[in-house]
N, C-alpha and C. Protein backbone atom coordinates (compact mmCIF):
# COMPACT_ATOMS: atom_id res chain seq x y z
N UNK A 1 0.84 -1.17 0.00
CA UNK A 1 0.00 0.00 0.00
C UNK A 1 0.89 1.24 0.00
N UNK A 2 0.51 2.23 -0.80
CA UNK A 2 1.26 3.48 -0.87
C UNK A 2 0.85 4.39 0.29
N UNK A 3 1.79 5.17 0.75
CA UNK A 3 1.50 6.14 1.81
C UNK A 3 2.07 7.49 1.41
N UNK A 4 1.55 8.54 2.00
CA UNK A 4 2.10 9.88 1.83
C UNK A 4 3.29 9.98 2.77
N UNK A 5 4.44 10.31 2.21
CA UNK A 5 5.64 10.44 3.03
C UNK A 5 5.57 11.75 3.82
N UNK A 6 5.56 11.64 5.13
CA UNK A 6 5.55 12.85 5.95
C UNK A 6 6.69 12.85 6.97
N UNK A 7 7.58 11.90 6.85
CA UNK A 7 8.75 11.88 7.71
C UNK A 7 8.56 11.23 9.06
N UNK A 8 7.31 10.95 9.43
CA UNK A 8 7.06 10.33 10.72
C UNK A 8 5.97 9.28 10.57
N UNK A 9 5.87 8.43 11.54
CA UNK A 9 4.79 7.46 11.58
C UNK A 9 3.64 8.03 12.39
N UNK A 10 2.54 7.29 12.47
CA UNK A 10 1.36 7.78 13.19
C UNK A 10 1.62 8.14 14.65
N UNK A 11 2.44 7.35 15.35
CA UNK A 11 2.71 7.63 16.76
C UNK A 11 3.48 8.93 16.91
N UNK A 12 4.50 9.12 16.07
CA UNK A 12 5.30 10.34 16.13
C UNK A 12 4.47 11.56 15.74
N UNK A 13 3.63 11.40 14.70
CA UNK A 13 2.79 12.50 14.27
C UNK A 13 1.81 12.89 15.37
N UNK A 14 1.20 11.91 16.03
CA UNK A 14 0.27 12.20 17.12
C UNK A 14 0.95 13.00 18.22
N UNK A 15 2.18 12.64 18.55
CA UNK A 15 2.93 13.37 19.58
C UNK A 15 3.22 14.80 19.13
N UNK A 16 3.58 14.98 17.86
CA UNK A 16 3.84 16.32 17.34
C UNK A 16 2.57 17.16 17.36
N UNK A 17 1.45 16.56 17.00
CA UNK A 17 0.18 17.29 16.98
C UNK A 17 -0.22 17.75 18.38
N UNK A 18 0.05 16.93 19.39
CA UNK A 18 -0.29 17.29 20.76
C UNK A 18 0.47 18.54 21.22
N UNK A 19 1.65 18.76 20.67
CA UNK A 19 2.48 19.90 21.06
C UNK A 19 2.12 21.18 20.31
N UNK A 20 1.35 21.07 19.24
CA UNK A 20 1.05 22.23 18.38
C UNK A 20 0.07 23.19 19.04
N UNK A 21 0.29 24.48 18.79
CA UNK A 21 -0.74 25.44 19.20
C UNK A 21 -1.98 25.22 18.33
N UNK A 22 -3.10 25.76 18.77
CA UNK A 22 -4.36 25.58 18.03
C UNK A 22 -4.24 25.99 16.57
N UNK A 23 -3.57 27.10 16.31
CA UNK A 23 -3.43 27.60 14.94
C UNK A 23 -2.70 26.59 14.06
N UNK A 24 -1.68 25.96 14.61
CA UNK A 24 -0.92 24.95 13.87
C UNK A 24 -1.77 23.73 13.58
N UNK A 25 -2.56 23.33 14.55
CA UNK A 25 -3.44 22.17 14.35
C UNK A 25 -4.49 22.45 13.28
N UNK A 26 -5.04 23.66 13.29
CA UNK A 26 -6.01 24.05 12.27
C UNK A 26 -5.34 24.05 10.90
N UNK A 27 -4.14 24.59 10.81
CA UNK A 27 -3.42 24.61 9.53
C UNK A 27 -3.16 23.18 9.04
N UNK A 28 -2.77 22.29 9.94
CA UNK A 28 -2.54 20.90 9.55
C UNK A 28 -3.82 20.26 9.03
N UNK A 29 -4.94 20.59 9.65
CA UNK A 29 -6.23 20.07 9.20
C UNK A 29 -6.54 20.53 7.78
N UNK A 30 -6.30 21.81 7.49
CA UNK A 30 -6.51 22.33 6.14
C UNK A 30 -5.62 21.61 5.13
N UNK A 31 -4.36 21.44 5.48
CA UNK A 31 -3.43 20.77 4.57
C UNK A 31 -3.86 19.34 4.28
N UNK A 32 -4.20 18.61 5.33
CA UNK A 32 -4.61 17.21 5.15
C UNK A 32 -5.89 17.11 4.34
N UNK A 33 -6.86 17.97 4.62
CA UNK A 33 -8.12 17.90 3.87
C UNK A 33 -7.92 18.31 2.41
N UNK A 34 -7.01 19.23 2.17
CA UNK A 34 -6.68 19.59 0.78
C UNK A 34 -6.09 18.41 0.03
N UNK A 35 -5.21 17.68 0.69
CA UNK A 35 -4.61 16.50 0.07
C UNK A 35 -5.65 15.40 -0.14
N UNK A 36 -6.50 15.18 0.86
CA UNK A 36 -7.57 14.18 0.74
C UNK A 36 -8.48 14.54 -0.44
N UNK A 37 -8.85 15.80 -0.52
CA UNK A 37 -9.73 16.24 -1.61
C UNK A 37 -9.07 16.02 -2.97
N UNK A 38 -7.81 16.43 -3.09
CA UNK A 38 -7.12 16.31 -4.37
C UNK A 38 -7.01 14.86 -4.83
N UNK A 39 -6.60 13.98 -3.94
CA UNK A 39 -6.44 12.57 -4.30
C UNK A 39 -7.79 11.93 -4.59
N UNK A 40 -8.80 12.24 -3.78
CA UNK A 40 -10.11 11.64 -4.02
C UNK A 40 -10.73 12.18 -5.31
N UNK A 41 -10.49 13.44 -5.64
CA UNK A 41 -10.99 14.01 -6.88
C UNK A 41 -10.35 13.30 -8.07
N UNK A 42 -9.05 13.07 -7.99
CA UNK A 42 -8.37 12.36 -9.07
C UNK A 42 -8.91 10.94 -9.22
N UNK A 43 -9.17 10.28 -8.10
CA UNK A 43 -9.71 8.92 -8.17
C UNK A 43 -11.10 8.91 -8.81
N UNK A 44 -11.92 9.91 -8.49
CA UNK A 44 -13.27 9.96 -9.03
C UNK A 44 -13.30 10.38 -10.49
N UNK A 45 -12.33 11.20 -10.92
CA UNK A 45 -12.36 11.77 -12.26
C UNK A 45 -11.30 11.21 -13.20
N UNK A 46 -10.47 10.34 -12.70
CA UNK A 46 -9.41 9.75 -13.52
C UNK A 46 -8.13 10.55 -13.42
N UNK A 47 -7.07 9.87 -13.13
CA UNK A 47 -5.77 10.53 -12.97
C UNK A 47 -4.93 10.29 -14.21
N UNK A 48 -4.91 11.29 -15.08
CA UNK A 48 -4.01 11.25 -16.22
C UNK A 48 -2.83 12.16 -15.91
N UNK A 49 -1.75 11.98 -16.60
CA UNK A 49 -0.60 12.85 -16.39
C UNK A 49 -0.97 14.30 -16.71
N UNK A 50 -1.75 14.51 -17.75
CA UNK A 50 -2.16 15.86 -18.13
C UNK A 50 -3.01 16.51 -17.03
N UNK A 51 -3.95 15.78 -16.50
CA UNK A 51 -4.82 16.31 -15.44
C UNK A 51 -4.01 16.63 -14.19
N UNK A 52 -3.13 15.72 -13.81
CA UNK A 52 -2.30 15.96 -12.63
C UNK A 52 -1.38 17.16 -12.85
N UNK A 53 -0.83 17.31 -14.05
CA UNK A 53 0.03 18.45 -14.36
C UNK A 53 -0.76 19.76 -14.28
N UNK A 54 -2.01 19.76 -14.74
CA UNK A 54 -2.86 20.96 -14.64
C UNK A 54 -3.11 21.32 -13.19
N UNK A 55 -3.41 20.31 -12.37
CA UNK A 55 -3.64 20.56 -10.95
C UNK A 55 -2.38 21.09 -10.28
N UNK A 56 -1.23 20.51 -10.61
CA UNK A 56 0.04 20.95 -10.04
C UNK A 56 0.33 22.39 -10.44
N UNK A 57 0.08 22.73 -11.70
CA UNK A 57 0.32 24.10 -12.17
C UNK A 57 -0.57 25.08 -11.40
N UNK A 58 -1.83 24.72 -11.18
CA UNK A 58 -2.74 25.58 -10.44
C UNK A 58 -2.28 25.75 -8.99
N UNK A 59 -1.85 24.66 -8.37
CA UNK A 59 -1.36 24.74 -7.00
C UNK A 59 -0.11 25.60 -6.90
N UNK A 60 0.75 25.53 -7.90
CA UNK A 60 1.96 26.35 -7.90
C UNK A 60 1.63 27.83 -8.00
N UNK A 61 0.63 28.18 -8.81
CA UNK A 61 0.20 29.58 -8.89
C UNK A 61 -0.32 30.04 -7.54
N UNK A 62 -1.16 29.22 -6.91
CA UNK A 62 -1.69 29.55 -5.59
C UNK A 62 -0.58 29.72 -4.57
N UNK A 63 0.40 28.82 -4.58
CA UNK A 63 1.51 28.89 -3.64
C UNK A 63 2.31 30.18 -3.84
N UNK A 64 2.50 30.57 -5.09
CA UNK A 64 3.22 31.81 -5.39
C UNK A 64 2.46 33.02 -4.84
N UNK A 65 1.14 33.02 -5.00
CA UNK A 65 0.32 34.11 -4.47
C UNK A 65 0.38 34.17 -2.94
N UNK A 66 0.35 33.01 -2.31
CA UNK A 66 0.44 32.95 -0.84
C UNK A 66 1.78 33.49 -0.37
N UNK A 67 2.88 33.10 -1.05
CA UNK A 67 4.20 33.60 -0.67
C UNK A 67 4.27 35.12 -0.83
N UNK A 68 3.68 35.64 -1.91
CA UNK A 68 3.70 37.09 -2.14
C UNK A 68 2.92 37.82 -1.04
N UNK A 69 1.77 37.30 -0.66
CA UNK A 69 0.97 37.93 0.40
C UNK A 69 1.71 37.87 1.74
N UNK A 70 2.35 36.74 2.02
CA UNK A 70 3.12 36.62 3.27
C UNK A 70 4.24 37.64 3.29
N UNK A 71 4.89 37.85 2.17
CA UNK A 71 5.96 38.84 2.07
C UNK A 71 5.42 40.25 2.32
N UNK A 72 4.28 40.57 1.72
CA UNK A 72 3.66 41.88 1.94
C UNK A 72 3.33 42.11 3.41
N UNK A 73 2.96 41.05 4.11
CA UNK A 73 2.60 41.16 5.52
C UNK A 73 3.81 41.10 6.44
N UNK A 74 4.98 40.86 5.87
CA UNK A 74 6.18 40.76 6.68
C UNK A 74 6.26 39.48 7.48
N UNK A 75 5.56 38.45 7.02
CA UNK A 75 5.55 37.16 7.71
C UNK A 75 6.60 36.25 7.09
N UNK A 76 7.23 35.45 7.91
CA UNK A 76 8.21 34.52 7.36
C UNK A 76 7.53 33.48 6.46
N UNK A 77 8.20 33.14 5.41
CA UNK A 77 7.69 32.14 4.49
C UNK A 77 8.31 30.80 4.83
N UNK A 78 7.49 29.78 5.01
CA UNK A 78 8.01 28.46 5.34
C UNK A 78 8.73 27.82 4.17
N UNK A 79 8.22 28.06 2.97
CA UNK A 79 8.78 27.42 1.78
C UNK A 79 9.13 28.49 0.75
N UNK A 80 10.40 28.57 0.41
CA UNK A 80 10.83 29.55 -0.58
C UNK A 80 10.60 29.03 -2.00
N UNK A 81 10.33 27.75 -2.09
CA UNK A 81 10.00 27.14 -3.38
C UNK A 81 9.09 25.96 -3.13
N UNK A 82 8.42 25.51 -4.18
CA UNK A 82 7.48 24.40 -4.03
C UNK A 82 8.22 23.11 -3.71
N UNK A 83 7.59 22.30 -2.88
CA UNK A 83 8.15 21.03 -2.46
C UNK A 83 7.58 19.93 -3.36
N UNK A 84 8.23 19.69 -4.47
CA UNK A 84 7.71 18.71 -5.41
C UNK A 84 8.78 17.72 -5.84
N UNK A 85 8.33 16.58 -6.28
CA UNK A 85 9.21 15.59 -6.89
C UNK A 85 9.22 15.74 -8.40
N UNK A 86 8.13 16.29 -8.92
CA UNK A 86 7.95 16.42 -10.36
C UNK A 86 8.15 17.87 -10.76
N UNK A 87 8.98 18.10 -11.74
CA UNK A 87 9.21 19.47 -12.23
C UNK A 87 8.47 19.64 -13.50
């Protein structure tokens, strides 16, 4: 069975989540639900390389906009570039 690589197992992740402030936990929930939605949408609609590339391109545009807004607000950016395996 394939898994999403997150660097930790369920026990370690549970411990990390317990230490998070509420804002961090909410952010993690958004991230996980976004991933669940994306994968389930692909399963329901068919995952072709073209479709996945379109989704990735859209996500990259969104990520760029988020980084720009964070910069305008003077907030530190967690990711200076997209974290992808596929270019």
